[in-house]
Amino acid sequence: MAAVILDGKAAAAELRAELAERCAALAARGVIPCLAVILVGEDPASQIYVRNKKRACEQAGVRFIEILMPTDTEQAVLDQKILALNADPEVDGILVQSPLPEGLDERRVLALIDPKKDVDGFHVSNMGALATGGRGIVPGTPEGCMELIRRAGVTLDGKEAVVVGRSNLAGKPMALLLLQANATVTVCHSRTKNLAEHTRRADVLVVAIRQPKMITGGMVKPGAIVIDIGINRLENRKVVGDVDFDSAREVAGYLTPVPGGVGPMTIAMLLKHTIAAAEARA
């Protein structure tokens, strides 16, 4: 039996409808949630990501500030812009679109953003809170993955989970969230030997390695829930994930598509964090 496809577009649409209601309630109190996005340079993919975020904000009723800066922007200029947004009481969320042009320090940029306005959840304070079980903003992509798992009705307690990828943006926080849900977690990466032996044990398999179609159906445990975070553009311009969708769907119990799976959920979580910050402000 083919896998149940976890439709991130549909789930994100439901979430955005709920968030729009929360925005309307805030507006009735005279508070408009506001997200400020800084885009440095003219990277085409980044421009698309920012445009998608802008559209989602407009649909939900979130004010969107787009700050465009040239490729040759100096670090001090970018730093001052972030500090100004930190000090603006009407800005609830700040996001600096990555990747940054060469010569700009992304780690420094993330450290400058006010942790309460860090809607991406990448500030060391928020990542530290996640690692230690504290309260903070959770990175949107892993949080979106957990929401898709929850909506599938899958109980993680005691399940064997395998995360392929150890990036700070996806793999590491995903592993921590799965641990918090009482799964037994293995993290695999480029140096892992016999990768398929690990993945075939997984009741829950999350893949974030930026390698197109690397995980095939033969590497998936029958009935597993497979979450594909990867986004890869092939030479023919087709967008595919890190999982070979066609072969995996014949084995898995649940499977996210690419595109239309995790991506829309990431943006929905970004809106959620911005609105929550506005509610705290109100």
C-alpha atoms as a PDB file:
ATOM      1  CA  MET A   1       0.000   0.000   0.000  1.00  0.00           C
ATOM      2  CA  ALA A   2       1.338   3.431  -0.947  1.00  0.00           C
ATOM      3  CA  ALA A   3       2.237   5.873   1.807  1.00  0.00           C
ATOM      4  CA  VAL A   4      -0.152   8.493   3.100  1.00  0.00           C
ATOM      5  CA  ILE A   5       1.115  11.810   1.754  1.00  0.00           C
ATOM      6  CA  LEU A   6       1.460  14.493   4.432  1.00  0.00           C
ATOM      7  CA  ASP A   7       0.189  17.623   2.685  1.00  0.00           C
ATOM      8  CA  GLY A   8       2.110  20.549   4.108  1.00  0.00           C
ATOM      9  CA  LYS A   9       0.217  23.045   1.957  1.00  0.00           C
ATOM     10  CA  ALA A  10      -3.134  22.003   3.418  1.00  0.00           C
ATOM     11  CA  ALA A  11      -1.842  21.889   6.993  1.00  0.00           C
ATOM     12  CA  ALA A  12      -0.184  25.304   6.624  1.00  0.00           C
ATOM     13  CA  ALA A  13      -3.395  26.770   5.194  1.00  0.00           C
ATOM     14  CA  GLU A  14      -5.309  25.587   8.260  1.00  0.00           C
ATOM     15  CA  LEU A  15      -2.680  27.077  10.555  1.00  0.00           C
ATOM     16  CA  ARG A  16      -2.680  30.390   8.680  1.00  0.00           C
ATOM     17  CA  ALA A  17      -6.461  30.598   9.054  1.00  0.00           C
ATOM     18  CA  GLU A  18      -6.101  30.149  12.812  1.00  0.00           C
ATOM     19  CA  LEU A  19      -3.307  32.719  12.916  1.00  0.00           C
ATOM     20  CA  ALA A  20      -5.397  35.202  10.922  1.00  0.00           C
ATOM     21  CA  GLU A  21      -8.034  35.015  13.653  1.00  0.00           C
ATOM     22  CA  ARG A  22      -5.399  35.789  16.278  1.00  0.00           C
ATOM     23  CA  CYS A  23      -4.198  38.715  14.145  1.00  0.00           C
ATOM     24  CA  ALA A  24      -7.731  40.050  13.920  1.00  0.00           C
ATOM     25  CA  ALA A  25      -8.100  39.847  17.709  1.00  0.00           C
ATOM     26  CA  LEU A  26      -4.875  41.814  18.109  1.00  0.00           C
ATOM     27  CA  ALA A  27      -5.967  44.403  15.558  1.00  0.00           C
ATOM     28  CA  ALA A  28      -9.152  44.935  17.567  1.00  0.00           C
ATOM     29  CA  ARG A  29      -6.873  45.938  20.451  1.00  0.00           C
ATOM     30  CA  GLY A  30      -4.869  48.280  18.239  1.00  0.00           C
ATOM     31  CA  VAL A  31      -1.864  45.959  17.838  1.00  0.00           C
ATOM     32  CA  ILE A  32      -0.633  44.892  14.397  1.00  0.00           C
ATOM     33  CA  PRO A  33       1.974  42.096  14.391  1.00  0.00           C
ATOM     34  CA  CYS A  34       5.040  43.119  12.403  1.00  0.00           C
ATOM     35  CA  LEU A  35       7.807  41.089  10.777  1.00  0.00           C
ATOM     36  CA  ALA A  36      10.915  42.786   9.403  1.00  0.00           C
ATOM     37  CA  VAL A  37      13.003  40.858   6.873  1.00  0.00           C
ATOM     38  CA  ILE A  38      16.462  41.979   5.764  1.00  0.00           C
ATOM     39  CA  LEU A  39      17.660  40.771   2.375  1.00  0.00           C
ATOM     40  CA  VAL A  40      21.287  41.523   1.549  1.00  0.00           C
ATOM     41  CA  GLY A  41      22.261  41.043  -2.086  1.00  0.00           C
ATOM     42  CA  GLU A  42      20.328  39.675  -5.034  1.00  0.00           C
ATOM     43  CA  ASP A  43      20.397  35.899  -4.612  1.00  0.00           C
ATOM     44  CA  PRO A  44      17.458  34.622  -6.735  1.00  0.00           C
ATOM     45  CA  ALA A  45      16.466  31.841  -4.329  1.00  0.00           C
ATOM     46  CA  SER A  46      16.518  34.248  -1.385  1.00  0.00           C
ATOM     47  CA  GLN A  47      14.326  36.665  -3.299  1.00  0.00           C
ATOM     48  CA  ILE A  48      11.768  33.898  -3.828  1.00  0.00           C
ATOM     49  CA  TYR A  49      11.845  32.922  -0.141  1.00  0.00           C
ATOM     50  CA  VAL A  50      11.303  36.527   0.940  1.00  0.00           C
ATOM     51  CA  ARG A  51       8.466  36.956  -1.552  1.00  0.00           C
ATOM     52  CA  ASN A  52       6.738  33.849  -0.183  1.00  0.00           C
ATOM     53  CA  LYS A  53       7.063  35.130   3.369  1.00  0.00           C
ATOM     54  CA  LYS A  54       5.662  38.490   2.355  1.00  0.00           C
ATOM     55  CA  ARG A  55       2.646  36.858   0.719  1.00  0.00           C
ATOM     56  CA  ALA A  56       1.968  34.712   3.789  1.00  0.00           C
ATOM     57  CA  CYS A  57       2.187  37.751   6.089  1.00  0.00           C
ATOM     58  CA  GLU A  58      -0.240  39.739   3.954  1.00  0.00           C
ATOM     59  CA  GLN A  59      -2.726  36.868   3.946  1.00  0.00           C
ATOM     60  CA  ALA A  60      -2.586  36.531   7.734  1.00  0.00           C
ATOM     61  CA  GLY A  61      -2.741  40.243   8.500  1.00  0.00           C
ATOM     62  CA  VAL A  62       0.875  40.627   9.603  1.00  0.00           C
ATOM     63  CA  ARG A  63       2.635  43.852   8.652  1.00  0.00           C
ATOM     64  CA  PHE A  64       5.690  43.053   6.534  1.00  0.00           C
ATOM     65  CA  ILE A  65       8.758  45.303   6.364  1.00  0.00           C
ATOM     66  CA  GLU A  66      11.171  44.377   3.600  1.00  0.00           C
ATOM     67  CA  ILE A  67      14.636  45.892   3.923  1.00  0.00           C
ATOM     68  CA  LEU A  68      16.782  45.487   0.808  1.00  0.00           C
ATOM     69  CA  MET A  69      20.518  46.069   1.142  1.00  0.00           C
ATOM     70  CA  PRO A  70      23.183  45.888  -1.604  1.00  0.00           C
ATOM     71  CA  THR A  71      25.635  43.014  -1.927  1.00  0.00           C
ATOM     72  CA  ASP A  72      28.541  45.242  -0.850  1.00  0.00           C
ATOM     73  CA  THR A  73      26.877  46.217   2.441  1.00  0.00           C
ATOM     74  CA  GLU A  74      29.452  46.520   5.207  1.00  0.00           C
ATOM     75  CA  GLN A  75      29.099  44.556   8.430  1.00  0.00           C
ATOM     76  CA  ALA A  76      28.747  47.699  10.560  1.00  0.00           C
ATOM     77  CA  VAL A  77      25.862  48.965   8.426  1.00  0.00           C
ATOM     78  CA  LEU A  78      24.001  45.655   8.705  1.00  0.00           C
ATOM     79  CA  ASP A  79      24.681  45.551  12.451  1.00  0.00           C
ATOM     80  CA  GLN A  80      23.207  49.019  12.939  1.00  0.00           C
ATOM     81  CA  LYS A  81      20.081  48.105  10.982  1.00  0.00           C
ATOM     82  CA  ILE A  82      19.497  45.065  13.208  1.00  0.00           C
ATOM     83  CA  LEU A  83      20.026  47.105  16.370  1.00  0.00           C
ATOM     84  CA  ALA A  84      17.530  49.705  15.129  1.00  0.00           C
ATOM     85  CA  LEU A  85      14.923  46.997  14.572  1.00  0.00           C
ATOM     86  CA  ASN A  86      15.642  45.576  18.024  1.00  0.00           C
ATOM     87  CA  ALA A  87      14.850  49.001  19.484  1.00  0.00           C
ATOM     88  CA  ASP A  88      11.651  49.505  17.460  1.00  0.00           C
ATOM     89  CA  PRO A  89       8.737  48.643  19.783  1.00  0.00           C
ATOM     90  CA  GLU A  90       6.384  47.989  16.858  1.00  0.00           C
ATOM     91  CA  VAL A  91       8.593  45.323  15.276  1.00  0.00           C
ATOM     92  CA  ASP A  92       7.808  41.882  16.712  1.00  0.00           C
ATOM     93  CA  GLY A  93       9.999  39.671  14.546  1.00  0.00           C
ATOM     94  CA  ILE A  94      13.347  40.097  12.778  1.00  0.00           C
ATOM     95  CA  LEU A  95      14.713  37.781  10.127  1.00  0.00           C
ATOM     96  CA  VAL A  96      17.930  38.144   8.132  1.00  0.00           C
ATOM     97  CA  GLN A  97      17.620  36.021   5.018  1.00  0.00           C
ATOM     98  CA  SER A  98      20.483  33.597   4.493  1.00  0.00           C
ATOM     99  CA  PRO A  99      22.871  33.015   2.881  1.00  0.00           C
ATOM    100  CA  LEU A 100      24.618  36.328   3.360  1.00  0.00           C
ATOM    101  CA  PRO A 101      27.123  37.638   0.783  1.00  0.00           C
ATOM    102  CA  GLU A 102      30.774  36.791   1.296  1.00  0.00           C
ATOM    103  CA  GLY A 103      32.418  39.005   3.886  1.00  0.00           C
ATOM    104  CA  LEU A 104      29.437  39.223   6.234  1.00  0.00           C
ATOM    105  CA  ASP A 105      29.486  37.254   9.489  1.00  0.00           C
ATOM    106  CA  GLU A 106      26.270  35.255   9.769  1.00  0.00           C
ATOM    107  CA  ARG A 107      27.034  34.054  13.285  1.00  0.00           C
ATOM    108  CA  ARG A 108      27.499  37.652  14.434  1.00  0.00           C
ATOM    109  CA  VAL A 109      24.254  38.686  12.749  1.00  0.00           C
ATOM    110  CA  LEU A 110      22.270  35.959  14.496  1.00  0.00           C
ATOM    111  CA  ALA A 111      23.806  36.937  17.842  1.00  0.00           C
ATOM    112  CA  LEU A 112      22.754  40.583  17.393  1.00  0.00           C
ATOM    113  CA  ILE A 113      19.042  39.892  16.954  1.00  0.00           C
ATOM    114  CA  ASP A 114      16.985  40.304  20.130  1.00  0.00           C
ATOM    115  CA  PRO A 115      16.178  36.691  21.199  1.00  0.00           C
ATOM    116  CA  LYS A 116      12.530  37.691  21.751  1.00  0.00           C
ATOM    117  CA  LYS A 117      12.347  38.893  18.134  1.00  0.00           C
ATOM    118  CA  ASP A 118      14.351  35.986  16.732  1.00  0.00           C
ATOM    119  CA  VAL A 119      11.407  34.371  14.928  1.00  0.00           C
ATOM    120  CA  ASP A 120      13.740  31.929  13.156  1.00  0.00           C
ATOM    121  CA  GLY A 121      14.806  30.548  16.542  1.00  0.00           C
ATOM    122  CA  PHE A 122      18.520  30.542  15.681  1.00  0.00           C
ATOM    123  CA  HIS A 123      19.855  32.824  18.432  1.00  0.00           C
ATOM    124  CA  VAL A 124      22.132  30.991  20.834  1.00  0.00           C
ATOM    125  CA  SER A 125      19.716  31.779  23.689  1.00  0.00           C
ATOM    126  CA  ASN A 126      16.819  30.103  21.886  1.00  0.00           C
ATOM    127  CA  MET A 127      18.928  27.147  20.770  1.00  0.00           C
ATOM    128  CA  GLY A 128      20.243  26.810  24.296  1.00  0.00           C
ATOM    129  CA  ALA A 129      16.732  26.828  25.710  1.00  0.00           C
ATOM    130  CA  LEU A 130      15.789  24.036  23.321  1.00  0.00           C
ATOM    131  CA  ALA A 131      18.827  21.984  24.322  1.00  0.00           C
ATOM    132  CA  THR A 132      18.180  22.376  28.048  1.00  0.00           C
ATOM    133  CA  GLY A 133      14.395  22.054  28.067  1.00  0.00           C
ATOM    134  CA  GLY A 134      13.785  25.747  28.668  1.00  0.00           C
ATOM    135  CA  ARG A 135      11.340  28.131  27.036  1.00  0.00           C
ATOM    136  CA  GLY A 136      12.369  29.815  23.823  1.00  0.00           C
ATOM    137  CA  ILE A 137      11.548  30.142  20.153  1.00  0.00           C
ATOM    138  CA  VAL A 138      11.986  26.843  18.310  1.00  0.00           C
ATOM    139  CA  PRO A 139      13.457  26.836  14.769  1.00  0.00           C
ATOM    140  CA  GLY A 140      10.550  26.826  12.353  1.00  0.00           C
ATOM    141  CA  THR A 141      11.482  23.931  10.084  1.00  0.00           C
ATOM    142  CA  PRO A 142      11.856  21.289  12.835  1.00  0.00           C
ATOM    143  CA  GLU A 143       8.783  22.676  14.594  1.00  0.00           C
ATOM    144  CA  GLY A 144       6.841  22.376  11.339  1.00  0.00           C
ATOM    145  CA  CYS A 145       8.006  18.769  10.989  1.00  0.00           C
ATOM    146  CA  MET A 146       6.743  17.973  14.481  1.00  0.00           C
ATOM    147  CA  GLU A 147       3.399  19.543  13.630  1.00  0.00           C
ATOM    148  CA  LEU A 148       3.072  17.329  10.541  1.00  0.00           C
ATOM    149  CA  ILE A 149       3.886  14.262  12.647  1.00  0.00           C
ATOM    150  CA  ARG A 150       1.291  15.315  15.223  1.00  0.00           C
ATOM    151  CA  ARG A 151      -1.351  15.811  12.549  1.00  0.00           C
ATOM    152  CA  ALA A 152      -0.608  12.337  11.188  1.00  0.00           C
ATOM    153  CA  GLY A 153      -1.625  10.959  14.585  1.00  0.00           C
ATOM    154  CA  VAL A 154       1.735   9.282  15.129  1.00  0.00           C
ATOM    155  CA  THR A 155       2.741   8.786  18.766  1.00  0.00           C
ATOM    156  CA  LEU A 156       6.479   9.267  19.208  1.00  0.00           C
ATOM    157  CA  ASP A 157       6.762   7.874  22.732  1.00  0.00           C
ATOM    158  CA  GLY A 158       9.293   5.026  22.611  1.00  0.00           C
ATOM    159  CA  LYS A 159       9.647   5.143  18.825  1.00  0.00           C
ATOM    160  CA  GLU A 160      13.006   4.681  17.095  1.00  0.00           C
ATOM    161  CA  ALA A 161      13.816   7.944  15.304  1.00  0.00           C
ATOM    162  CA  VAL A 162      16.702   8.592  12.918  1.00  0.00           C
ATOM    163  CA  VAL A 163      17.726  12.075  11.775  1.00  0.00           C
ATOM    164  CA  VAL A 164      20.016  12.212   8.750  1.00  0.00           C
ATOM    165  CA  GLY A 165      21.849  15.543   8.934  1.00  0.00           C
ATOM    166  CA  ARG A 166      23.335  17.505  11.824  1.00  0.00           C
ATOM    167  CA  SER A 167      23.027  21.169  10.802  1.00  0.00           C
ATOM    168  CA  ASN A 168      22.242  23.807  13.406  1.00  0.00           C
ATOM    169  CA  LEU A 169      19.215  24.863  11.357  1.00  0.00           C
ATOM    170  CA  ALA A 170      17.500  21.507  10.977  1.00  0.00           C
ATOM    171  CA  GLY A 171      19.191  18.289  12.076  1.00  0.00           C
ATOM    172  CA  LYS A 172      20.286  19.181  15.597  1.00  0.00           C
ATOM    173  CA  PRO A 173      17.068  20.952  16.696  1.00  0.00           C
ATOM    174  CA  MET A 174      15.003  18.182  15.083  1.00  0.00           C
ATOM    175  CA  ALA A 175      16.827  15.567  17.142  1.00  0.00           C
ATOM    176  CA  LEU A 176      16.219  17.578  20.320  1.00  0.00           C
ATOM    177  CA  LEU A 177      12.491  17.919  19.606  1.00  0.00           C
ATOM    178  CA  LEU A 178      12.198  14.189  18.991  1.00  0.00           C
ATOM    179  CA  LEU A 179      14.008  13.527  22.280  1.00  0.00           C
ATOM    180  CA  GLN A 180      11.572  15.817  24.074  1.00  0.00           C
ATOM    181  CA  ALA A 181       8.748  13.714  22.594  1.00  0.00           C
ATOM    182  CA  ASN A 182      10.340  10.611  24.171  1.00  0.00           C
ATOM    183  CA  ALA A 183      11.648   9.057  20.971  1.00  0.00           C
ATOM    184  CA  THR A 184      14.959   7.212  20.955  1.00  0.00           C
ATOM    185  CA  VAL A 185      17.072   9.260  18.564  1.00  0.00           C
ATOM    186  CA  THR A 186      20.046   8.465  16.345  1.00  0.00           C
ATOM    187  CA  VAL A 187      21.727  11.274  14.382  1.00  0.00           C
ATOM    188  CA  CYS A 188      23.497  10.272  11.171  1.00  0.00           C
ATOM    189  CA  HIS A 189      25.767  12.422   8.999  1.00  0.00           C
ATOM    190  CA  SER A 190      28.386  12.381   6.263  1.00  0.00           C
ATOM    191  CA  ARG A 191      30.790  10.294   8.352  1.00  0.00           C
ATOM    192  CA  THR A 192      28.207   7.684   9.379  1.00  0.00           C
ATOM    193  CA  LYS A 193      29.107   4.180   8.263  1.00  0.00           C
ATOM    194  CA  ASN A 194      26.443   1.828   6.883  1.00  0.00           C
ATOM    195  CA  LEU A 195      23.793   4.545   6.749  1.00  0.00           C
ATOM    196  CA  ALA A 196      21.092   2.200   5.451  1.00  0.00           C
ATOM    197  CA  GLU A 197      21.429  -0.004   8.543  1.00  0.00           C
ATOM    198  CA  HIS A 198      20.407   2.966  10.653  1.00  0.00           C
ATOM    199  CA  THR A 199      17.631   4.265   8.422  1.00  0.00           C
ATOM    200  CA  ARG A 200      15.993   0.839   8.057  1.00  0.00           C
ATOM    201  CA  ARG A 201      15.528   0.719  11.857  1.00  0.00           C
ATOM    202  CA  ALA A 202      13.695   4.034  11.982  1.00  0.00           C
ATOM    203  CA  ASP A 203      10.010   4.255  12.844  1.00  0.00           C
ATOM    204  CA  VAL A 204      10.482   7.964  12.159  1.00  0.00           C
ATOM    205  CA  LEU A 205      13.020   9.047   9.543  1.00  0.00           C
ATOM    206  CA  VAL A 206      13.857  12.735   9.083  1.00  0.00           C
ATOM    207  CA  VAL A 207      16.220  13.636   6.256  1.00  0.00           C
ATOM    208  CA  ALA A 208      18.033  16.973   5.912  1.00  0.00           C
ATOM    209  CA  ILE A 209      21.280  16.473   4.005  1.00  0.00           C
ATOM    210  CA  ARG A 210      20.873  18.484   0.759  1.00  0.00           C
ATOM    211  CA  GLN A 211      21.592  15.434  -1.421  1.00  0.00           C
ATOM    212  CA  PRO A 212      18.904  14.825  -4.050  1.00  0.00           C
ATOM    213  CA  LYS A 213      17.106  11.481  -3.780  1.00  0.00           C
ATOM    214  CA  MET A 214      19.830  10.003  -1.570  1.00  0.00           C
ATOM    215  CA  ILE A 215      17.413   8.008   0.614  1.00  0.00           C
ATOM    216  CA  THR A 216      15.725   5.313  -1.459  1.00  0.00           C
ATOM    217  CA  GLY A 217      12.824   3.018  -0.674  1.00  0.00           C
ATOM    218  CA  GLY A 218      15.242   0.213   0.127  1.00  0.00           C
ATOM    219  CA  MET A 219      16.601   2.308   3.000  1.00  0.00           C
ATOM    220  CA  VAL A 220      13.176   2.831   4.608  1.00  0.00           C
ATOM    221  CA  LYS A 221      11.508   0.631   7.211  1.00  0.00           C
ATOM    222  CA  PRO A 222       8.066  -0.568   6.036  1.00  0.00           C
ATOM    223  CA  GLY A 223       5.358   1.644   7.537  1.00  0.00           C
ATOM    224  CA  ALA A 224       7.778   4.347   8.736  1.00  0.00           C
ATOM    225  CA  ILE A 225       6.920   8.037   8.761  1.00  0.00           C
ATOM    226  CA  VAL A 226       9.403   9.802   6.496  1.00  0.00           C
ATOM    227  CA  ILE A 227       9.911  13.567   6.713  1.00  0.00           C
ATOM    228  CA  ASP A 228      11.940  15.058   3.864  1.00  0.00           C
ATOM    229  CA  ILE A 229      13.392  18.486   4.682  1.00  0.00           C
ATOM    230  CA  GLY A 230      15.695  18.631   1.665  1.00  0.00           C
ATOM    231  CA  ILE A 231      15.164  21.014  -1.244  1.00  0.00           C
ATOM    232  CA  ASN A 232      17.352  20.431  -4.303  1.00  0.00           C
ATOM    233  CA  ARG A 233      17.057  21.901  -7.793  1.00  0.00           C
ATOM    234  CA  LEU A 234      18.199  19.575 -10.575  1.00  0.00           C
ATOM    235  CA  GLU A 235      19.747  20.620 -13.861  1.00  0.00           C
ATOM    236  CA  ASN A 236      16.325  20.381 -15.521  1.00  0.00           C
ATOM    237  CA  ARG A 237      15.048  22.912 -12.906  1.00  0.00           C
ATOM    238  CA  LYS A 238      12.885  20.286 -11.215  1.00  0.00           C
ATOM    239  CA  VAL A 239      12.802  20.563  -7.408  1.00  0.00           C
ATOM    240  CA  VAL A 240      13.256  17.307  -5.488  1.00  0.00           C
ATOM    241  CA  GLY A 241      13.938  16.290  -1.907  1.00  0.00           C
ATOM    242  CA  ASP A 242      16.628  14.233  -0.232  1.00  0.00           C
ATOM    243  CA  VAL A 243      14.317  11.217  -0.395  1.00  0.00           C
ATOM    244  CA  ASP A 244      13.548   9.372  -3.621  1.00  0.00           C
ATOM    245  CA  PHE A 245       9.822   9.998  -3.445  1.00  0.00           C
ATOM    246  CA  ASP A 246       8.674   7.367  -5.948  1.00  0.00           C
ATOM    247  CA  SER A 247      10.478   4.431  -4.339  1.00  0.00           C
ATOM    248  CA  ALA A 248       9.922   5.575  -0.733  1.00  0.00           C
ATOM    249  CA  ARG A 249       6.173   5.963  -1.126  1.00  0.00           C
ATOM    250  CA  GLU A 250       5.876   2.233  -1.863  1.00  0.00           C
ATOM    251  CA  VAL A 251       7.420   1.377   1.511  1.00  0.00           C
ATOM    252  CA  ALA A 252       6.712   4.192   3.986  1.00  0.00           C
ATOM    253  CA  GLY A 253       3.512   4.594   5.952  1.00  0.00           C
ATOM    254  CA  TYR A 254       3.606   8.391   5.746  1.00  0.00           C
ATOM    255  CA  LEU A 255       5.706  10.620   3.509  1.00  0.00           C
ATOM    256  CA  THR A 256       6.131  14.348   2.913  1.00  0.00           C
ATOM    257  CA  PRO A 257       6.404  15.536  -0.696  1.00  0.00           C
ATOM    258  CA  VAL A 258       8.918  18.064  -2.058  1.00  0.00           C
ATOM    259  CA  PRO A 259       7.747  20.660  -2.771  1.00  0.00           C
ATOM    260  CA  GLY A 260       4.561  21.019  -0.741  1.00  0.00           C
ATOM    261  CA  GLY A 261       5.584  19.223   2.437  1.00  0.00           C
ATOM    262  CA  VAL A 262       7.804  20.820   5.061  1.00  0.00           C
ATOM    263  CA  GLY A 263       8.367  24.136   3.239  1.00  0.00           C
ATOM    264  CA  PRO A 264       4.905  25.645   3.759  1.00  0.00           C
ATOM    265  CA  MET A 265       5.015  24.612   7.416  1.00  0.00           C
ATOM    266  CA  THR A 266       8.251  26.534   7.963  1.00  0.00           C
ATOM    267  CA  ILE A 267       6.601  29.771   6.870  1.00  0.00           C
ATOM    268  CA  ALA A 268       3.522  29.034   8.990  1.00  0.00           C
ATOM    269  CA  MET A 269       5.750  28.649  12.060  1.00  0.00           C
ATOM    270  CA  LEU A 270       7.432  31.953  11.238  1.00  0.00           C
ATOM    271  CA  LEU A 271       4.016  33.640  11.306  1.00  0.00           C
ATOM    272  CA  LYS A 272       3.141  31.846  14.522  1.00  0.00           C
ATOM    273  CA  HIS A 273       6.264  33.155  16.253  1.00  0.00           C
ATOM    274  CA  THR A 274       5.677  36.722  15.033  1.00  0.00           C
ATOM    275  CA  ILE A 275       2.073  36.727  16.229  1.00  0.00           C
ATOM    276  CA  ALA A 276       3.034  35.201  19.583  1.00  0.00           C
ATOM    277  CA  ALA A 277       5.576  37.998  20.066  1.00  0.00           C
ATOM    278  CA  ALA A 278       2.883  40.562  19.246  1.00  0.00           C
ATOM    279  CA  GLU A 279       0.539  38.960  21.747  1.00  0.00           C
ATOM    280  CA  ALA A 280       3.258  39.223  24.396  1.00  0.00           C
ATOM    281  CA  ARG A 281       3.709  42.888  23.465  1.00  0.00           C
ATOM    282  CA  ALA A 282      -0.034  43.492  23.759  1.00  0.00           C
END
